[in-house]
Amino acid sequence: MATTTKSTTLRFDKDVLDLIHQQADLDSQTITEFMRNAVLEKLEDSLDYQDAVKNIRESNGQTVSRADVKKKLGL
């Protein structure tokens, strides 16, 4: 199955773009790789947060302590 990609344009002030270039260089990434990874990380964080909120709502606020989880897992 072929994947279709699309492009978009982002605009940054020069000082911000310079920082992005510096960070991408430090990470040995192209600017495209750096920006794509940054967006995907943000998206993953947001989806994880939404999932956590959903789980809390479905549990009616009931939580389990870290100690209880470790004990149950035998850690």
PDB file of N, CA and C in Angstrom:
ATOM      1  N   MET A   1       0.843  -1.174   0.000  1.00  0.00           N
ATOM      2  CA  MET A   1       0.000   0.000   0.000  1.00  0.00           C
ATOM      3  C   MET A   1       0.891   1.241   0.000  1.00  0.00           C
ATOM      4  N   ALA A   2       0.661   2.131  -0.922  1.00  0.00           N
ATOM      5  CA  ALA A   2       1.449   3.357  -1.026  1.00  0.00           C
ATOM      6  C   ALA A   2       0.961   4.392  -0.012  1.00  0.00           C
ATOM      7  N   THR A   3       1.906   5.076   0.563  1.00  0.00           N
ATOM      8  CA  THR A   3       1.582   6.138   1.511  1.00  0.00           C
ATOM      9  C   THR A   3       1.715   7.473   0.813  1.00  0.00           C
ATOM     10  N   THR A   4       0.712   8.300   0.949  1.00  0.00           N
ATOM     11  CA  THR A   4       0.756   9.629   0.366  1.00  0.00           C
ATOM     12  C   THR A   4       1.187  10.613   1.431  1.00  0.00           C
ATOM     13  N   THR A   5       2.174  11.410   1.111  1.00  0.00           N
ATOM     14  CA  THR A   5       2.599  12.446   2.046  1.00  0.00           C
ATOM     15  C   THR A   5       2.232  13.800   1.482  1.00  0.00           C
ATOM     16  N   LYS A   6       2.043  14.721   2.365  1.00  0.00           N
ATOM     17  CA  LYS A   6       1.749  16.100   1.988  1.00  0.00           C
ATOM     18  C   LYS A   6       2.713  16.997   2.734  1.00  0.00           C
ATOM     19  N   SER A   7       2.881  18.180   2.253  1.00  0.00           N
ATOM     20  CA  SER A   7       3.782  19.117   2.920  1.00  0.00           C
ATOM     21  C   SER A   7       2.997  20.318   3.426  1.00  0.00           C
ATOM     22  N   THR A   8       3.633  21.012   4.353  1.00  0.00           N
ATOM     23  CA  THR A   8       3.066  22.237   4.896  1.00  0.00           C
ATOM     24  C   THR A   8       4.200  23.219   5.111  1.00  0.00           C
ATOM     25  N   THR A   9       3.869  24.453   5.314  1.00  0.00           N
ATOM     26  CA  THR A   9       4.869  25.489   5.534  1.00  0.00           C
ATOM     27  C   THR A   9       4.733  26.018   6.954  1.00  0.00           C
ATOM     28  N   LEU A  10       5.861  26.149   7.616  1.00  0.00           N
ATOM     29  CA  LEU A  10       5.901  26.750   8.946  1.00  0.00           C
ATOM     30  C   LEU A  10       6.727  28.017   8.865  1.00  0.00           C
ATOM     31  N   ARG A  11       6.313  29.020   9.560  1.00  0.00           N
ATOM     32  CA  ARG A  11       7.046  30.285   9.563  1.00  0.00           C
ATOM     33  C   ARG A  11       7.517  30.575  10.988  1.00  0.00           C
ATOM     34  N   PHE A  12       8.799  30.916  11.100  1.00  0.00           N
ATOM     35  CA  PHE A  12       9.405  31.237  12.390  1.00  0.00           C
ATOM     36  C   PHE A  12      10.188  32.529  12.263  1.00  0.00           C
ATOM     37  N   ASP A  13      10.297  33.246  13.366  1.00  0.00           N
ATOM     38  CA  ASP A  13      11.211  34.383  13.405  1.00  0.00           C
ATOM     39  C   ASP A  13      12.622  33.846  13.215  1.00  0.00           C
ATOM     40  N   LYS A  14      13.500  34.669  12.706  1.00  0.00           N
ATOM     41  CA  LYS A  14      14.859  34.232  12.411  1.00  0.00           C
ATOM     42  C   LYS A  14      15.562  33.657  13.633  1.00  0.00           C
ATOM     43  N   ASP A  15      15.405  34.304  14.783  1.00  0.00           N
ATOM     44  CA  ASP A  15      16.096  33.810  15.977  1.00  0.00           C
ATOM     45  C   ASP A  15      15.609  32.423  16.383  1.00  0.00           C
ATOM     46  N   VAL A  16      14.323  32.165  16.246  1.00  0.00           N
ATOM     47  CA  VAL A  16      13.782  30.846  16.569  1.00  0.00           C
ATOM     48  C   VAL A  16      14.269  29.822  15.547  1.00  0.00           C
ATOM     49  N   LEU A  17      14.257  30.181  14.283  1.00  0.00           N
ATOM     50  CA  LEU A  17      14.720  29.270  13.236  1.00  0.00           C
ATOM     51  C   LEU A  17      16.205  28.941  13.415  1.00  0.00           C
ATOM     52  N   ASP A  18      16.987  29.925  13.831  1.00  0.00           N
ATOM     53  CA  ASP A  18      18.401  29.672  14.104  1.00  0.00           C
ATOM     54  C   ASP A  18      18.562  28.637  15.227  1.00  0.00           C
ATOM     55  N   LEU A  19      17.753  28.759  16.271  1.00  0.00           N
ATOM     56  CA  LEU A  19      17.800  27.789  17.371  1.00  0.00           C
ATOM     57  C   LEU A  19      17.393  26.395  16.900  1.00  0.00           C
ATOM     58  N   ILE A  20      16.394  26.334  16.042  1.00  0.00           N
ATOM     59  CA  ILE A  20      15.955  25.045  15.498  1.00  0.00           C
ATOM     60  C   ILE A  20      17.088  24.407  14.701  1.00  0.00           C
ATOM     61  N   HIS A  21      17.752  25.199  13.863  1.00  0.00           N
ATOM     62  CA  HIS A  21      18.878  24.694  13.079  1.00  0.00           C
ATOM     63  C   HIS A  21      19.999  24.191  13.998  1.00  0.00           C
ATOM     64  N   GLN A  22      20.299  24.952  15.033  1.00  0.00           N
ATOM     65  CA  GLN A  22      21.357  24.548  15.965  1.00  0.00           C
ATOM     66  C   GLN A  22      21.014  23.229  16.658  1.00  0.00           C
ATOM     67  N   GLN A  23      19.771  23.114  17.104  1.00  0.00           N
ATOM     68  CA  GLN A  23      19.363  21.899  17.809  1.00  0.00           C
ATOM     69  C   GLN A  23      19.352  20.710  16.861  1.00  0.00           C
ATOM     70  N   ALA A  24      18.869  20.901  15.655  1.00  0.00           N
ATOM     71  CA  ALA A  24      18.870  19.811  14.674  1.00  0.00           C
ATOM     72  C   ALA A  24      20.300  19.347  14.403  1.00  0.00           C
ATOM     73  N   ASP A  25      21.211  20.298  14.267  1.00  0.00           N
ATOM     74  CA  ASP A  25      22.624  19.947  14.057  1.00  0.00           C
ATOM     75  C   ASP A  25      23.173  19.156  15.239  1.00  0.00           C
ATOM     76  N   LEU A  26      22.857  19.583  16.459  1.00  0.00           N
ATOM     77  CA  LEU A  26      23.314  18.873  17.656  1.00  0.00           C
ATOM     78  C   LEU A  26      22.781  17.445  17.699  1.00  0.00           C
ATOM     79  N   ASP A  27      21.567  17.267  17.207  1.00  0.00           N
ATOM     80  CA  ASP A  27      20.929  15.952  17.207  1.00  0.00           C
ATOM     81  C   ASP A  27      21.262  15.150  15.951  1.00  0.00           C
ATOM     82  N   SER A  28      22.116  15.700  15.094  1.00  0.00           N
ATOM     83  CA  SER A  28      22.490  15.059  13.824  1.00  0.00           C
ATOM     84  C   SER A  28      21.266  14.709  12.984  1.00  0.00           C
ATOM     85  N   GLN A  29      20.350  15.664  12.911  1.00  0.00           N
ATOM     86  CA  GLN A  29      19.126  15.500  12.135  1.00  0.00           C
ATOM     87  C   GLN A  29      19.028  16.611  11.102  1.00  0.00           C
ATOM     88  N   THR A  30      18.285  16.326  10.042  1.00  0.00           N
ATOM     89  CA  THR A  30      17.947  17.406   9.121  1.00  0.00           C
ATOM     90  C   THR A  30      16.876  18.258   9.797  1.00  0.00           C
ATOM     91  N   ILE A  31      16.655  19.426   9.275  1.00  0.00           N
ATOM     92  CA  ILE A  31      15.601  20.298   9.820  1.00  0.00           C
ATOM     93  C   ILE A  31      14.251  19.597   9.694  1.00  0.00           C
ATOM     94  N   THR A  32      14.026  18.951   8.568  1.00  0.00           N
ATOM     95  CA  THR A  32      12.758  18.243   8.358  1.00  0.00           C
ATOM     96  C   THR A  32      12.575  17.141   9.389  1.00  0.00           C
ATOM     97  N   GLU A  33      13.613  16.340   9.624  1.00  0.00           N
ATOM     98  CA  GLU A  33      13.528  15.273  10.620  1.00  0.00           C
ATOM     99  C   GLU A  33      13.245  15.845  12.003  1.00  0.00           C
ATOM    100  N   PHE A  34      13.973  16.911  12.345  1.00  0.00           N
ATOM    101  CA  PHE A  34      13.809  17.528  13.663  1.00  0.00           C
ATOM    102  C   PHE A  34      12.385  18.026  13.864  1.00  0.00           C
ATOM    103  N   MET A  35      11.865  18.741  12.885  1.00  0.00           N
ATOM    104  CA  MET A  35      10.511  19.300  13.015  1.00  0.00           C
ATOM    105  C   MET A  35       9.462  18.193  13.008  1.00  0.00           C
ATOM    106  N   ARG A  36       9.626  17.205  12.140  1.00  0.00           N
ATOM    107  CA  ARG A  36       8.673  16.091  12.105  1.00  0.00           C
ATOM    108  C   ARG A  36       8.662  15.377  13.451  1.00  0.00           C
ATOM    109  N   ASN A  37       9.834  15.079  13.991  1.00  0.00           N
ATOM    110  CA  ASN A  37       9.918  14.401  15.286  1.00  0.00           C
ATOM    111  C   ASN A  37       9.302  15.229  16.402  1.00  0.00           C
ATOM    112  N   ALA A  38       9.536  16.531  16.369  1.00  0.00           N
ATOM    113  CA  ALA A  38       8.974  17.408  17.399  1.00  0.00           C
ATOM    114  C   ALA A  38       7.446  17.386  17.353  1.00  0.00           C
ATOM    115  N   VAL A  39       6.895  17.447  16.162  1.00  0.00           N
ATOM    116  CA  VAL A  39       5.437  17.425  16.013  1.00  0.00           C
ATOM    117  C   VAL A  39       4.883  16.071  16.442  1.00  0.00           C
ATOM    118  N   LEU A  40       5.533  14.987  16.025  1.00  0.00           N
ATOM    119  CA  LEU A  40       5.049  13.657  16.385  1.00  0.00           C
ATOM    120  C   LEU A  40       5.133  13.413  17.892  1.00  0.00           C
ATOM    121  N   GLU A  41       6.184  13.910  18.553  1.00  0.00           N
ATOM    122  CA  GLU A  41       6.291  13.786  20.010  1.00  0.00           C
ATOM    123  C   GLU A  41       5.174  14.550  20.699  1.00  0.00           C
ATOM    124  N   LYS A  42       4.891  15.748  20.222  1.00  0.00           N
ATOM    125  CA  LYS A  42       3.809  16.558  20.797  1.00  0.00           C
ATOM    126  C   LYS A  42       2.469  15.858  20.605  1.00  0.00           C
ATOM    127  N   LEU A  43       2.248  15.303  19.422  1.00  0.00           N
ATOM    128  CA  LEU A  43       1.016  14.583  19.142  1.00  0.00           C
ATOM    129  C   LEU A  43       0.875  13.367  20.054  1.00  0.00           C
ATOM    130  N   GLU A  44       1.952  12.607  20.222  1.00  0.00           N
ATOM    131  CA  GLU A  44       1.924  11.437  21.091  1.00  0.00           C
ATOM    132  C   GLU A  44       1.632  11.834  22.539  1.00  0.00           C
ATOM    133  N   ASP A  45       2.253  12.911  23.010  1.00  0.00           N
ATOM    134  CA  ASP A  45       1.991  13.397  24.372  1.00  0.00           C
ATOM    135  C   ASP A  45       0.524  13.757  24.542  1.00  0.00           C
ATOM    136  N   SER A  46      -0.034  14.435  23.548  1.00  0.00           N
ATOM    137  CA  SER A  46      -1.429  14.851  23.621  1.00  0.00           C
ATOM    138  C   SER A  46      -2.361  13.649  23.625  1.00  0.00           C
ATOM    139  N   LEU A  47      -2.081  12.664  22.780  1.00  0.00           N
ATOM    140  CA  LEU A  47      -2.909  11.461  22.738  1.00  0.00           C
ATOM    141  C   LEU A  47      -2.800  10.672  24.040  1.00  0.00           C
ATOM    142  N   ASP A  48      -1.592  10.598  24.607  1.00  0.00           N
ATOM    143  CA  ASP A  48      -1.403   9.925  25.894  1.00  0.00           C
ATOM    144  C   ASP A  48      -2.209  10.622  26.987  1.00  0.00           C
ATOM    145  N   TYR A  49      -2.188  11.952  26.981  1.00  0.00           N
ATOM    146  CA  TYR A  49      -2.938  12.722  27.971  1.00  0.00           C
ATOM    147  C   TYR A  49      -4.438  12.459  27.832  1.00  0.00           C
ATOM    148  N   GLN A  50      -4.923  12.493  26.589  1.00  0.00           N
ATOM    149  CA  GLN A  50      -6.343  12.240  26.354  1.00  0.00           C
ATOM    150  C   GLN A  50      -6.734  10.838  26.824  1.00  0.00           C
ATOM    151  N   ASP A  51      -5.870   9.869  26.585  1.00  0.00           N
ATOM    152  CA  ASP A  51      -6.115   8.498  27.020  1.00  0.00           C
ATOM    153  C   ASP A  51      -6.151   8.410  28.541  1.00  0.00           C
ATOM    154  N   ALA A  52      -5.238   9.109  29.204  1.00  0.00           N
ATOM    155  CA  ALA A  52      -5.203   9.107  30.676  1.00  0.00           C
ATOM    156  C   ALA A  52      -6.474   9.728  31.252  1.00  0.00           C
ATOM    157  N   VAL A  53      -6.915  10.835  30.674  1.00  0.00           N
ATOM    158  CA  VAL A  53      -8.143  11.490  31.143  1.00  0.00           C
ATOM    159  C   VAL A  53      -9.327  10.545  30.969  1.00  0.00           C
ATOM    160  N   LYS A  54      -9.401   9.878  29.826  1.00  0.00           N
ATOM    161  CA  LYS A  54     -10.476   8.917  29.566  1.00  0.00           C
ATOM    162  C   LYS A  54     -10.452   7.794  30.600  1.00  0.00           C
ATOM    163  N   ASN A  55      -9.264   7.263  30.884  1.00  0.00           N
ATOM    164  CA  ASN A  55      -9.148   6.175  31.859  1.00  0.00           C
ATOM    165  C   ASN A  55      -9.552   6.617  33.256  1.00  0.00           C
ATOM    166  N   ILE A  56      -9.191   7.830  33.636  1.00  0.00           N
ATOM    167  CA  ILE A  56      -9.570   8.343  34.955  1.00  0.00           C
ATOM    168  C   ILE A  56     -11.080   8.497  35.041  1.00  0.00           C
ATOM    169  N   ARG A  57     -11.682   9.031  33.982  1.00  0.00           N
ATOM    170  CA  ARG A  57     -13.149   9.183  33.977  1.00  0.00           C
ATOM    171  C   ARG A  57     -13.828   7.820  34.085  1.00  0.00           C
ATOM    172  N   GLU A  58     -13.332   6.839  33.318  1.00  0.00           N
ATOM    173  CA  GLU A  58     -13.946   5.514  33.324  1.00  0.00           C
ATOM    174  C   GLU A  58     -13.743   4.780  34.643  1.00  0.00           C
ATOM    175  N   SER A  59     -12.699   5.153  35.389  1.00  0.00           N
ATOM    176  CA  SER A  59     -12.448   4.496  36.680  1.00  0.00           C
ATOM    177  C   SER A  59     -13.191   5.185  37.819  1.00  0.00           C
ATOM    178  N   ASN A  60     -13.972   6.217  37.475  1.00  0.00           N
ATOM    179  CA  ASN A  60     -14.697   6.993  38.486  1.00  0.00           C
ATOM    180  C   ASN A  60     -13.761   7.559  39.540  1.00  0.00           C
ATOM    181  N   GLY A  61     -12.543   7.891  39.124  1.00  0.00           N
ATOM    182  CA  GLY A  61     -11.583   8.522  40.018  1.00  0.00           C
ATOM    183  C   GLY A  61     -10.824   7.568  40.910  1.00  0.00           C
ATOM    184  N   GLN A  62     -11.108   6.263  40.811  1.00  0.00           N
ATOM    185  CA  GLN A  62     -10.393   5.302  41.640  1.00  0.00           C
ATOM    186  C   GLN A  62      -8.971   5.159  41.118  1.00  0.00           C
ATOM    187  N   THR A  63      -8.032   5.159  42.036  1.00  0.00           N
ATOM    188  CA  THR A  63      -6.628   5.041  41.661  1.00  0.00           C
ATOM    189  C   THR A  63      -5.977   3.915  42.447  1.00  0.00           C
ATOM    190  N   VAL A  64      -4.810   3.513  41.990  1.00  0.00           N
ATOM    191  CA  VAL A  64      -4.024   2.489  42.665  1.00  0.00           C
ATOM    192  C   VAL A  64      -2.651   3.097  42.936  1.00  0.00           C
ATOM    193  N   SER A  65      -2.160   2.909  44.138  1.00  0.00           N
ATOM    194  CA  SER A  65      -0.863   3.487  44.483  1.00  0.00           C
ATOM    195  C   SER A  65       0.249   2.778  43.725  1.00  0.00           C
ATOM    196  N   ARG A  66       1.348   3.464  43.586  1.00  0.00           N
ATOM    197  CA  ARG A  66       2.520   2.883  42.922  1.00  0.00           C
ATOM    198  C   ARG A  66       2.998   1.644  43.684  1.00  0.00           C
ATOM    199  N   ALA A  67       2.977   1.741  44.995  1.00  0.00           N
ATOM    200  CA  ALA A  67       3.408   0.615  45.831  1.00  0.00           C
ATOM    201  C   ALA A  67       2.532  -0.614  45.577  1.00  0.00           C
ATOM    202  N   ASP A  68       1.224  -0.410  45.445  1.00  0.00           N
ATOM    203  CA  ASP A  68       0.320  -1.535  45.184  1.00  0.00           C
ATOM    204  C   ASP A  68       0.578  -2.156  43.815  1.00  0.00           C
ATOM    205  N   VAL A  69       0.869  -1.325  42.829  1.00  0.00           N
ATOM    206  CA  VAL A  69       1.172  -1.828  41.486  1.00  0.00           C
ATOM    207  C   VAL A  69       2.458  -2.652  41.529  1.00  0.00           C
ATOM    208  N   LYS A  70       3.491  -2.118  42.190  1.00  0.00           N
ATOM    209  CA  LYS A  70       4.754  -2.845  42.293  1.00  0.00           C
ATOM    210  C   LYS A  70       4.554  -4.184  43.013  1.00  0.00           C
ATOM    211  N   LYS A  71       3.755  -4.171  44.089  1.00  0.00           N
ATOM    212  CA  LYS A  71       3.499  -5.398  44.839  1.00  0.00           C
ATOM    213  C   LYS A  71       2.774  -6.414  43.955  1.00  0.00           C
ATOM    214  N   LYS A  72       1.791  -5.959  43.215  1.00  0.00           N
ATOM    215  CA  LYS A  72       1.035  -6.857  42.339  1.00  0.00           C
ATOM    216  C   LYS A  72       1.928  -7.455  41.253  1.00  0.00           C
ATOM    217  N   LEU A  73       2.896  -6.672  40.771  1.00  0.00           N
ATOM    218  CA  LEU A  73       3.812  -7.139  39.730  1.00  0.00           C
ATOM    219  C   LEU A  73       5.007  -7.896  40.295  1.00  0.00           C
ATOM    220  N   GLY A  74       5.102  -7.953  41.608  1.00  0.00           N
ATOM    221  CA  GLY A  74       6.210  -8.661  42.245  1.00  0.00           C
ATOM    222  C   GLY A  74       7.533  -7.917  42.137  1.00  0.00           C
ATOM    223  N   LEU A  75       7.480  -6.609  42.111  1.00  0.00           N
ATOM    224  CA  LEU A  75       8.698  -5.802  41.998  1.00  0.00           C
ATOM    225  C   LEU A  75       9.139  -5.270  43.352  1.00  0.00           C
TER     226      LEU A  75
END
